[in-house]
Amino acid sequence: MRLRIRFSKTGKVRFVGHRDVARIWERSLRKADLAVAYSEGFSPRPKLSFGLALSTGYESRAEYLEAELLEPADDADWNPAQAAAMMRRIDEALPTGFDVTAVAPSDRGADSLQQAVTSCTWEIVIDGIRDGEASQQIAEFLARNEIVVERERKGRTVTEDIRHQVLALDVTGATDDGVRLTADLGTQPRALRPDEMLAAMDPPLRARSVCRMNQWMSQGDDRIEPLSVDAAPAPLAELRA
């Protein structure tokens, strides 16, 4: 049985890096007494696969992982009561700051999460700027035909146009010291990070906080979440239908 898990990462654990998050999950699943399958070979590893990496310091309401379990189960019999029990079982084993928000069986034949996710929605808080000023700067930014940035790739610096990856960007609220932005950023062939986008603005902006709110997969002209917080028993049923 392959289990897909959606979880949030908030508070102080936002400073825990991706590799350490993986280790935390390995320990927590053992603590929850889940029979996770292991790879073969000289150094067996638990069969866990994570979605897109989250930059250290960012929070998230929509992180994903898949775990291959030895426990037999019929996906067709999966029901809300099983999901709730599994969520509690895992949640109680996780440290503070990690919270399981949805669990469901996953389709073994589907693309990996890293391949399937095409964009992410981000909430970004910027200090020291007013609503009107931010809206004007965003309008000028989105009016550009190309947005060229420098990136490190395989030990060398390359220039890339990221304009096509800025799918949407808007001011969605005011804070005591600045504004709240919502951005939809593309992830293929390489994910665009909010800090890269902000650094490319004129003048550059710097975020006080960043939170990943959603990850999205494409389904024709629509987009769906890999697993929503109110998911039906099988998260990929819409894709298989």
Protein backbone atom coordinates (compact mmCIF):
# COMPACT_ATOMS: atom_id res chain seq x y z
CA MET A 1 0.00 0.00 0.00
CA ARG A 2 1.30 3.44 -0.91
CA LEU A 3 0.12 6.21 1.36
CA ARG A 4 0.10 9.89 0.42
CA ILE A 5 0.36 12.31 3.34
CA ARG A 6 -0.26 16.05 3.35
CA PHE A 7 1.23 18.00 6.23
CA SER A 8 2.01 21.53 7.39
CA LYS A 9 5.35 22.83 8.62
CA THR A 10 5.00 25.96 10.74
CA GLY A 11 6.68 27.77 13.59
CA LYS A 12 10.26 27.10 14.64
CA VAL A 13 10.52 23.94 12.52
CA ARG A 14 10.60 26.18 9.42
CA PHE A 15 14.35 26.38 10.09
CA VAL A 16 14.74 22.59 9.76
CA GLY A 17 16.30 21.72 6.39
CA HIS A 18 14.89 19.25 3.87
CA ARG A 19 17.25 16.37 4.73
CA ASP A 20 16.54 16.70 8.44
CA VAL A 21 12.80 16.77 7.69
CA ALA A 22 13.24 13.41 5.95
CA ARG A 23 15.01 11.99 9.02
CA ILE A 24 12.26 13.32 11.31
CA TRP A 25 9.65 11.55 9.20
CA GLU A 26 11.59 8.29 9.22
CA ARG A 27 11.77 8.36 13.03
CA SER A 28 8.16 9.48 13.43
CA LEU A 29 6.76 6.73 11.21
CA ARG A 30 8.72 4.18 13.23
CA LYS A 31 7.36 5.72 16.43
CA ALA A 32 3.84 5.49 14.96
CA ASP A 33 4.52 1.77 14.43
CA LEU A 34 3.80 1.88 10.71
CA ALA A 35 5.28 -0.98 8.71
CA VAL A 36 7.22 1.06 6.14
CA ALA A 37 8.81 -0.96 3.33
CA TYR A 38 12.60 -0.77 2.87
CA SER A 39 14.75 -0.83 -0.21
CA GLU A 40 17.06 -3.75 -0.88
CA GLY A 41 20.83 -3.73 -1.09
CA PHE A 42 23.79 -3.02 1.17
CA SER A 43 22.20 0.01 2.88
CA PRO A 44 18.41 -0.37 2.98
CA ARG A 45 16.41 2.83 3.28
CA PRO A 46 12.73 3.35 4.06
CA LYS A 47 10.67 3.82 0.91
CA LEU A 48 9.66 7.45 1.40
CA SER A 49 9.41 9.98 -1.40
CA PHE A 50 8.95 13.69 -0.81
CA GLY A 51 7.47 16.38 -2.99
CA LEU A 52 9.17 19.64 -3.89
CA ALA A 53 11.81 20.74 -1.40
CA LEU A 54 10.89 23.71 0.78
CA SER A 55 13.53 26.40 1.33
CA THR A 56 14.80 26.62 4.89
CA GLY A 57 12.98 29.41 6.72
CA TYR A 58 9.76 29.03 4.72
CA GLU A 59 6.56 27.75 6.30
CA SER A 60 4.04 25.57 4.48
CA ARG A 61 0.43 24.46 4.66
CA ALA A 62 0.83 22.00 1.80
CA GLU A 63 3.79 19.62 2.01
CA TYR A 64 3.56 16.07 0.71
CA LEU A 65 5.25 12.74 1.05
CA GLU A 66 4.47 9.19 -0.01
CA ALA A 67 5.28 6.13 2.08
CA GLU A 68 5.30 2.55 0.84
CA LEU A 69 3.76 0.38 3.55
CA LEU A 70 3.87 -3.37 4.06
CA GLU A 71 0.42 -3.26 5.60
CA PRO A 72 -2.11 -4.84 3.21
CA ALA A 73 -5.11 -2.68 2.37
CA ASP A 74 -7.78 -2.42 -0.26
CA ASP A 75 -7.87 1.15 -1.57
CA ALA A 76 -11.54 0.71 -2.49
CA ASP A 77 -12.37 0.15 1.21
CA TRP A 78 -10.54 3.26 2.40
CA ASN A 79 -12.95 5.48 4.30
CA PRO A 80 -12.96 8.69 6.36
CA ALA A 81 -12.74 6.78 9.64
CA GLN A 82 -9.56 5.02 8.49
CA ALA A 83 -8.12 8.32 7.30
CA ALA A 84 -8.86 10.01 10.64
CA ALA A 85 -7.32 7.14 12.60
CA MET A 86 -4.19 7.11 10.43
CA MET A 87 -3.83 10.89 10.73
CA ARG A 88 -4.00 10.70 14.53
CA ARG A 89 -1.56 7.82 14.59
CA ILE A 90 1.05 9.74 12.60
CA ASP A 91 0.35 13.18 14.06
CA GLU A 92 0.94 12.03 17.62
CA ALA A 93 4.40 10.79 16.65
CA LEU A 94 5.52 14.03 14.99
CA PRO A 95 7.27 16.90 16.79
CA THR A 96 5.57 20.24 17.35
CA GLY A 97 5.26 22.26 14.16
CA PHE A 98 4.47 19.32 11.90
CA ASP A 99 0.77 18.59 11.52
CA VAL A 100 -0.85 15.97 9.29
CA THR A 101 -3.82 17.46 7.43
CA ALA A 102 -4.81 14.64 5.05
CA VAL A 103 -3.99 10.98 4.35
CA ALA A 104 -5.12 8.72 1.51
CA PRO A 105 -3.91 5.84 -0.67
CA SER A 106 -1.92 6.88 -3.73
CA ASP A 107 -1.82 5.49 -7.26
CA ARG A 108 1.42 3.53 -7.77
CA GLY A 109 1.33 4.17 -11.51
CA ALA A 110 1.16 7.96 -11.22
CA ASP A 111 4.06 10.36 -11.75
CA SER A 112 6.15 11.28 -8.75
CA LEU A 113 5.12 14.38 -6.83
CA GLN A 114 8.15 16.27 -8.11
CA GLN A 115 7.15 15.49 -11.70
CA ALA A 116 3.41 16.03 -11.25
CA VAL A 117 3.41 19.41 -9.49
CA THR A 118 3.46 22.27 -12.00
CA SER A 119 2.97 25.31 -9.76
CA CYS A 120 2.71 26.50 -6.16
CA THR A 121 0.72 29.24 -4.46
CA TRP A 122 2.68 31.33 -1.96
CA GLU A 123 1.74 33.88 0.69
CA ILE A 124 4.48 36.47 1.12
CA VAL A 125 4.66 39.23 3.75
CA ILE A 126 6.73 42.31 2.88
CA ASP A 127 7.55 45.03 5.39
CA GLY A 128 8.24 48.69 4.71
CA ILE A 129 6.03 49.18 1.68
CA ARG A 130 2.51 50.55 1.25
CA ASP A 131 -0.36 48.95 -0.64
CA GLY A 132 -0.39 51.42 -3.54
CA GLU A 133 3.37 51.37 -3.92
CA ALA A 134 3.46 47.57 -3.96
CA SER A 135 0.62 47.36 -6.50
CA GLN A 136 2.41 49.78 -8.83
CA GLN A 137 5.69 47.90 -8.56
CA ILE A 138 3.96 44.59 -9.26
CA ALA A 139 2.16 46.02 -12.31
CA GLU A 140 5.48 47.20 -13.76
CA PHE A 141 7.08 43.85 -12.95
CA LEU A 142 4.36 41.84 -14.70
CA ALA A 143 4.46 44.16 -17.73
CA ARG A 144 8.03 43.10 -18.50
CA ASN A 145 8.48 40.77 -21.48
CA GLU A 146 11.36 38.97 -19.81
CA ILE A 147 12.82 38.75 -16.32
CA VAL A 148 16.40 37.54 -16.45
CA VAL A 149 18.09 36.19 -13.32
CA GLU A 150 21.39 34.50 -12.58
CA ARG A 151 21.31 30.99 -11.13
CA GLU A 152 23.90 28.48 -10.04
CA ARG A 153 23.70 25.24 -11.97
CA LYS A 154 26.21 22.40 -11.78
CA GLY A 155 28.89 24.67 -10.39
CA ARG A 156 28.52 27.48 -12.91
CA THR A 157 26.44 30.62 -13.21
CA VAL A 158 23.77 30.68 -15.90
CA THR A 159 21.20 33.31 -16.89
CA GLU A 160 17.55 32.33 -17.26
CA ASP A 161 14.31 34.12 -18.12
CA ILE A 162 11.80 33.43 -15.34
CA ARG A 163 8.92 35.56 -16.69
CA HIS A 164 6.91 32.52 -17.82
CA GLN A 165 7.08 31.10 -14.29
CA VAL A 166 5.42 34.10 -12.66
CA LEU A 167 1.86 32.92 -13.28
CA ALA A 168 0.13 35.41 -10.96
CA LEU A 169 1.15 38.03 -8.42
CA ASP A 170 -1.05 40.42 -6.48
CA VAL A 171 -1.40 42.39 -3.25
CA THR A 172 -4.02 40.58 -1.20
CA GLY A 173 -3.91 42.44 2.08
CA ALA A 174 -2.21 44.93 4.35
CA THR A 175 -0.23 44.24 7.52
CA ASP A 176 0.79 46.57 10.33
CA ASP A 177 4.16 47.22 8.66
CA GLY A 178 3.58 46.41 5.00
CA VAL A 179 1.62 44.18 2.64
CA ARG A 180 0.70 40.57 2.03
CA LEU A 181 1.25 39.20 -1.48
CA THR A 182 -0.11 36.06 -3.12
CA ALA A 183 1.96 34.53 -5.92
CA ASP A 184 1.46 31.55 -8.22
CA LEU A 185 4.91 30.40 -9.36
CA GLY A 186 5.80 27.63 -11.82
CA THR A 187 7.88 24.62 -10.85
CA GLN A 188 8.93 23.18 -14.21
CA PRO A 189 11.60 22.54 -15.37
CA ARG A 190 12.97 24.09 -12.17
CA ALA A 191 10.93 25.61 -9.36
CA LEU A 192 10.95 29.38 -9.04
CA ARG A 193 11.43 30.42 -5.43
CA PRO A 194 9.70 33.50 -4.00
CA ASP A 195 13.04 35.03 -2.96
CA GLU A 196 14.32 34.75 -6.56
CA MET A 197 11.24 36.54 -7.84
CA LEU A 198 11.47 39.30 -5.23
CA ALA A 199 15.17 39.86 -5.92
CA ALA A 200 14.36 40.38 -9.61
CA MET A 201 11.95 43.25 -8.90
CA ASP A 202 12.94 46.90 -9.25
CA PRO A 203 13.79 47.80 -6.56
CA PRO A 204 14.34 44.34 -5.07
CA LEU A 205 12.04 43.32 -2.23
CA ARG A 206 12.75 41.12 0.76
CA ALA A 207 10.19 38.93 2.49
CA ARG A 208 9.60 38.93 6.22
CA SER A 209 7.81 35.60 5.93
CA VAL A 210 6.89 33.12 3.22
CA CYS A 211 4.35 30.31 3.39
CA ARG A 212 3.51 27.73 0.73
CA MET A 213 -0.28 27.53 0.69
CA ASN A 214 -0.90 25.04 -2.15
CA GLN A 215 0.82 22.80 -4.65
CA TRP A 216 -0.94 22.17 -7.95
CA MET A 217 -1.02 19.51 -10.65
CA SER A 218 -2.47 20.09 -14.12
CA GLN A 219 -5.58 18.30 -15.33
CA GLY A 220 -6.36 19.58 -18.79
CA ASP A 221 -7.10 23.29 -18.43
CA ASP A 222 -7.74 22.91 -14.70
CA ARG A 223 -5.50 22.39 -11.73
CA ILE A 224 -5.98 20.09 -8.76
CA GLU A 225 -4.13 19.47 -5.54
CA PRO A 226 -2.16 16.24 -5.05
CA LEU A 227 -4.27 15.72 -1.93
CA SER A 228 -6.71 18.28 -0.57
CA VAL A 229 -7.42 18.71 3.12
CA ASP A 230 -10.98 17.46 2.53
CA ALA A 231 -9.93 14.71 0.14
CA ALA A 232 -12.19 11.86 -0.86
CA PRO A 233 -10.78 8.37 -0.12
CA ALA A 234 -8.56 8.25 -3.24
CA PRO A 235 -6.72 11.48 -4.07
CA LEU A 236 -6.08 10.56 -7.70
CA ALA A 237 -9.58 9.33 -8.51
CA GLU A 238 -10.22 12.47 -10.58
CA LEU A 239 -7.20 11.70 -12.74
CA ARG A 240 -8.15 8.06 -13.24
CA ALA A 241 -11.80 8.81 -14.07
